Amino acid sequence: QVQLVESGGGLVQAGGSLKLSCAASGSTSSIAAMGWYRQAPGKQRELVAAFTSGGMPNYSDSVKGRFMIFRDNGKNTVYLQMNSLKPEDTAVYYCTARPYGLGSWDYWGQGTQVTVSS
């Protein structure tokens, strides 16, 4: 099993920045890839940014050029640096991990709220 704990959410004005962190613990050697999803009120959960199993970052078009995903393998932590935030970025952000051998995101954190005021 893998446990994921997010931190770093909060309230920020439009144009501001936040950095989210996600620390993985447990069977971390089983993790093939990690990423971030978000879910806004009344909307489906959507992929924001993630590393592929090959280690390349992917971004949704809505955050490309503003957000950056990076990681510290030694700390089993993945980060999401969010710049030039917009009110439409307001959502609960979830860290997720995909095990080797599976194509699905099987592990999820509890989520952290990001609110961007206009």
C-alpha atoms as a PDB file:
ATOM      1  CA  GLN A   1       0.000   0.000   0.000  1.00  0.00           C
ATOM      2  CA  VAL A   2       0.970   3.588  -0.629  1.00  0.00           C
ATOM      3  CA  GLN A   3      -0.101   6.599   1.391  1.00  0.00           C
ATOM      4  CA  LEU A   4      -0.126  10.083  -0.109  1.00  0.00           C
ATOM      5  CA  VAL A   5      -0.313  13.266   1.944  1.00  0.00           C
ATOM      6  CA  GLU A   6      -0.749  16.657   0.262  1.00  0.00           C
ATOM      7  CA  SER A   7       0.035  20.056   1.699  1.00  0.00           C
ATOM      8  CA  GLY A   8       0.393  23.636   0.534  1.00  0.00           C
ATOM      9  CA  GLY A   9      -3.105  24.635  -0.502  1.00  0.00           C
ATOM     10  CA  GLY A  10      -4.709  27.876   0.542  1.00  0.00           C
ATOM     11  CA  LEU A  11      -6.204  31.163  -0.545  1.00  0.00           C
ATOM     12  CA  VAL A  12      -4.357  33.354  -3.034  1.00  0.00           C
ATOM     13  CA  GLN A  13      -5.225  36.322  -5.221  1.00  0.00           C
ATOM     14  CA  ALA A  14      -5.380  35.994  -8.962  1.00  0.00           C
ATOM     15  CA  GLY A  15      -1.910  36.246 -10.441  1.00  0.00           C
ATOM     16  CA  GLY A  16      -0.314  34.767  -7.355  1.00  0.00           C
ATOM     17  CA  SER A  17       1.539  31.518  -6.795  1.00  0.00           C
ATOM     18  CA  LEU A  18       1.256  28.431  -4.631  1.00  0.00           C
ATOM     19  CA  LYS A  19       3.319  25.276  -4.327  1.00  0.00           C
ATOM     20  CA  LEU A  20       1.677  21.991  -3.457  1.00  0.00           C
ATOM     21  CA  SER A  21       3.594  19.073  -2.018  1.00  0.00           C
ATOM     22  CA  CYS A  22       2.736  15.384  -1.929  1.00  0.00           C
ATOM     23  CA  ALA A  23       4.709  12.995   0.224  1.00  0.00           C
ATOM     24  CA  ALA A  24       4.443   9.286  -0.512  1.00  0.00           C
ATOM     25  CA  SER A  25       5.049   6.616   2.088  1.00  0.00           C
ATOM     26  CA  GLY A  26       4.610   2.864   2.352  1.00  0.00           C
ATOM     27  CA  SER A  27       5.441   0.715  -0.677  1.00  0.00           C
ATOM     28  CA  THR A  28       6.947   3.586  -2.653  1.00  0.00           C
ATOM     29  CA  SER A  29       9.077   1.242  -4.756  1.00  0.00           C
ATOM     30  CA  SER A  30       5.839   0.054  -6.374  1.00  0.00           C
ATOM     31  CA  ILE A  31       5.058   3.510  -7.780  1.00  0.00           C
ATOM     32  CA  ALA A  32       5.525   3.916 -11.513  1.00  0.00           C
ATOM     33  CA  ALA A  33       4.247   7.473 -11.829  1.00  0.00           C
ATOM     34  CA  MET A  34       2.755  10.312  -9.799  1.00  0.00           C
ATOM     35  CA  GLY A  35       0.620  13.259 -10.683  1.00  0.00           C
ATOM     36  CA  TRP A  36      -1.970  15.823  -9.720  1.00  0.00           C
ATOM     37  CA  TYR A  37      -5.681  15.985 -10.459  1.00  0.00           C
ATOM     38  CA  ARG A  38      -8.185  18.632  -9.437  1.00  0.00           C
ATOM     39  CA  GLN A  39     -11.916  18.816  -8.977  1.00  0.00           C
ATOM     40  CA  ALA A  40     -13.891  22.025  -8.968  1.00  0.00           C
ATOM     41  CA  PRO A  41     -17.430  22.217  -7.535  1.00  0.00           C
ATOM     42  CA  GLY A  42     -19.917  20.640  -9.924  1.00  0.00           C
ATOM     43  CA  LYS A  43     -17.212  19.428 -12.283  1.00  0.00           C
ATOM     44  CA  GLN A  44     -15.480  16.137 -12.954  1.00  0.00           C
ATOM     45  CA  ARG A  45     -12.030  15.417 -11.641  1.00  0.00           C
ATOM     46  CA  GLU A  46      -9.457  16.326 -14.265  1.00  0.00           C
ATOM     47  CA  LEU A  47      -5.780  15.692 -14.781  1.00  0.00           C
ATOM     48  CA  VAL A  48      -3.605  18.746 -14.126  1.00  0.00           C
ATOM     49  CA  ALA A  49      -0.086  17.403 -14.459  1.00  0.00           C
ATOM     50  CA  ALA A  50       1.609  14.046 -14.160  1.00  0.00           C
ATOM     51  CA  PHE A  51       4.796  12.195 -14.824  1.00  0.00           C
ATOM     52  CA  THR A  52       4.604   9.306 -17.218  1.00  0.00           C
ATOM     53  CA  SER A  53       6.182   5.994 -16.257  1.00  0.00           C
ATOM     54  CA  GLY A  54       9.065   7.095 -18.461  1.00  0.00           C
ATOM     55  CA  GLY A  55       9.564  10.173 -16.314  1.00  0.00           C
ATOM     56  CA  MET A  56       8.273  12.811 -18.720  1.00  0.00           C
ATOM     57  CA  PRO A  57       5.875  15.491 -17.447  1.00  0.00           C
ATOM     58  CA  ASN A  58       2.490  16.019 -19.064  1.00  0.00           C
ATOM     59  CA  TYR A  59       0.244  19.015 -18.504  1.00  0.00           C
ATOM     60  CA  SER A  60      -3.339  19.825 -19.289  1.00  0.00           C
ATOM     61  CA  ASP A  61      -3.705  22.601 -21.820  1.00  0.00           C
ATOM     62  CA  SER A  62      -5.358  24.823 -19.218  1.00  0.00           C
ATOM     63  CA  VAL A  63      -2.237  24.949 -17.024  1.00  0.00           C
ATOM     64  CA  LYS A  64       0.557  24.557 -19.567  1.00  0.00           C
ATOM     65  CA  GLY A  65       3.098  27.345 -19.170  1.00  0.00           C
ATOM     66  CA  ARG A  66       1.807  28.291 -15.704  1.00  0.00           C
ATOM     67  CA  PHE A  67       2.199  25.123 -13.627  1.00  0.00           C
ATOM     68  CA  MET A  68       5.223  22.897 -13.222  1.00  0.00           C
ATOM     69  CA  ILE A  69       5.405  19.416 -11.746  1.00  0.00           C
ATOM     70  CA  PHE A  70       8.684  18.281 -10.264  1.00  0.00           C
ATOM     71  CA  ARG A  71       9.867  15.708  -7.799  1.00  0.00           C
ATOM     72  CA  ASP A  72      12.456  14.802  -5.226  1.00  0.00           C
ATOM     73  CA  ASN A  73      12.965  11.076  -5.548  1.00  0.00           C
ATOM     74  CA  GLY A  74      15.077  10.953  -2.418  1.00  0.00           C
ATOM     75  CA  LYS A  75      12.141  12.258  -0.400  1.00  0.00           C
ATOM     76  CA  ASN A  76       9.447  10.389  -2.365  1.00  0.00           C
ATOM     77  CA  THR A  77       7.776  13.744  -2.856  1.00  0.00           C
ATOM     78  CA  VAL A  78       6.193  15.353  -5.871  1.00  0.00           C
ATOM     79  CA  TYR A  79       5.452  19.053  -6.121  1.00  0.00           C
ATOM     80  CA  LEU A  80       3.167  21.254  -8.160  1.00  0.00           C
ATOM     81  CA  GLN A  81       4.352  24.823  -8.590  1.00  0.00           C
ATOM     82  CA  MET A  82       1.405  26.946  -9.652  1.00  0.00           C
ATOM     83  CA  ASN A  83       2.057  30.415 -11.036  1.00  0.00           C
ATOM     84  CA  SER A  84      -0.184  33.075 -12.570  1.00  0.00           C
ATOM     85  CA  LEU A  85      -3.158  31.544 -10.819  1.00  0.00           C
ATOM     86  CA  LYS A  86      -6.631  32.274 -12.102  1.00  0.00           C
ATOM     87  CA  PRO A  87     -10.025  32.047 -10.361  1.00  0.00           C
ATOM     88  CA  GLU A  88     -10.830  29.074 -12.597  1.00  0.00           C
ATOM     89  CA  ASP A  89      -7.952  27.180 -10.957  1.00  0.00           C
ATOM     90  CA  THR A  90     -10.018  27.046  -7.768  1.00  0.00           C
ATOM     91  CA  ALA A  91     -10.506  23.378  -6.891  1.00  0.00           C
ATOM     92  CA  VAL A  92      -9.531  20.597  -4.564  1.00  0.00           C
ATOM     93  CA  TYR A  93      -6.189  19.275  -5.755  1.00  0.00           C
ATOM     94  CA  TYR A  94      -5.430  15.581  -5.352  1.00  0.00           C
ATOM     95  CA  CYS A  95      -2.124  13.804  -5.510  1.00  0.00           C
ATOM     96  CA  THR A  96      -2.229  10.416  -7.178  1.00  0.00           C
ATOM     97  CA  ALA A  97       0.102   7.503  -7.872  1.00  0.00           C
ATOM     98  CA  ARG A  98       0.043   4.667 -10.356  1.00  0.00           C
ATOM     99  CA  PRO A  99       1.609   1.301  -9.517  1.00  0.00           C
ATOM    100  CA  TYR A 100       3.835  -0.610 -11.907  1.00  0.00           C
ATOM    101  CA  GLY A 101       1.894  -2.996 -14.080  1.00  0.00           C
ATOM    102  CA  LEU A 102      -1.387  -1.097 -13.871  1.00  0.00           C
ATOM    103  CA  GLY A 103      -2.738   1.607 -16.110  1.00  0.00           C
ATOM    104  CA  SER A 104      -4.911   3.241 -13.492  1.00  0.00           C
ATOM    105  CA  TRP A 105      -4.246   5.814 -10.801  1.00  0.00           C
ATOM    106  CA  ASP A 106      -4.810   3.558  -7.818  1.00  0.00           C
ATOM    107  CA  TYR A 107      -3.629   5.693  -4.927  1.00  0.00           C
ATOM    108  CA  TRP A 108      -5.058   9.064  -3.921  1.00  0.00           C
ATOM    109  CA  GLY A 109      -4.360  11.652  -1.269  1.00  0.00           C
ATOM    110  CA  GLN A 110      -7.051  13.349   0.768  1.00  0.00           C
ATOM    111  CA  GLY A 111      -6.940  16.524  -1.312  1.00  0.00           C
ATOM    112  CA  THR A 112      -5.979  20.091  -0.564  1.00  0.00           C
ATOM    113  CA  GLN A 113      -8.138  23.130  -1.294  1.00  0.00           C
ATOM    114  CA  VAL A 114      -6.830  25.857  -3.571  1.00  0.00           C
ATOM    115  CA  THR A 115      -8.932  29.007  -3.786  1.00  0.00           C
ATOM    116  CA  VAL A 116      -8.020  31.842  -6.144  1.00  0.00           C
ATOM    117  CA  SER A 117      -9.832  35.125  -5.563  1.00  0.00           C
ATOM    118  CA  SER A 118     -10.391  37.655  -8.318  1.00  0.00           C
END
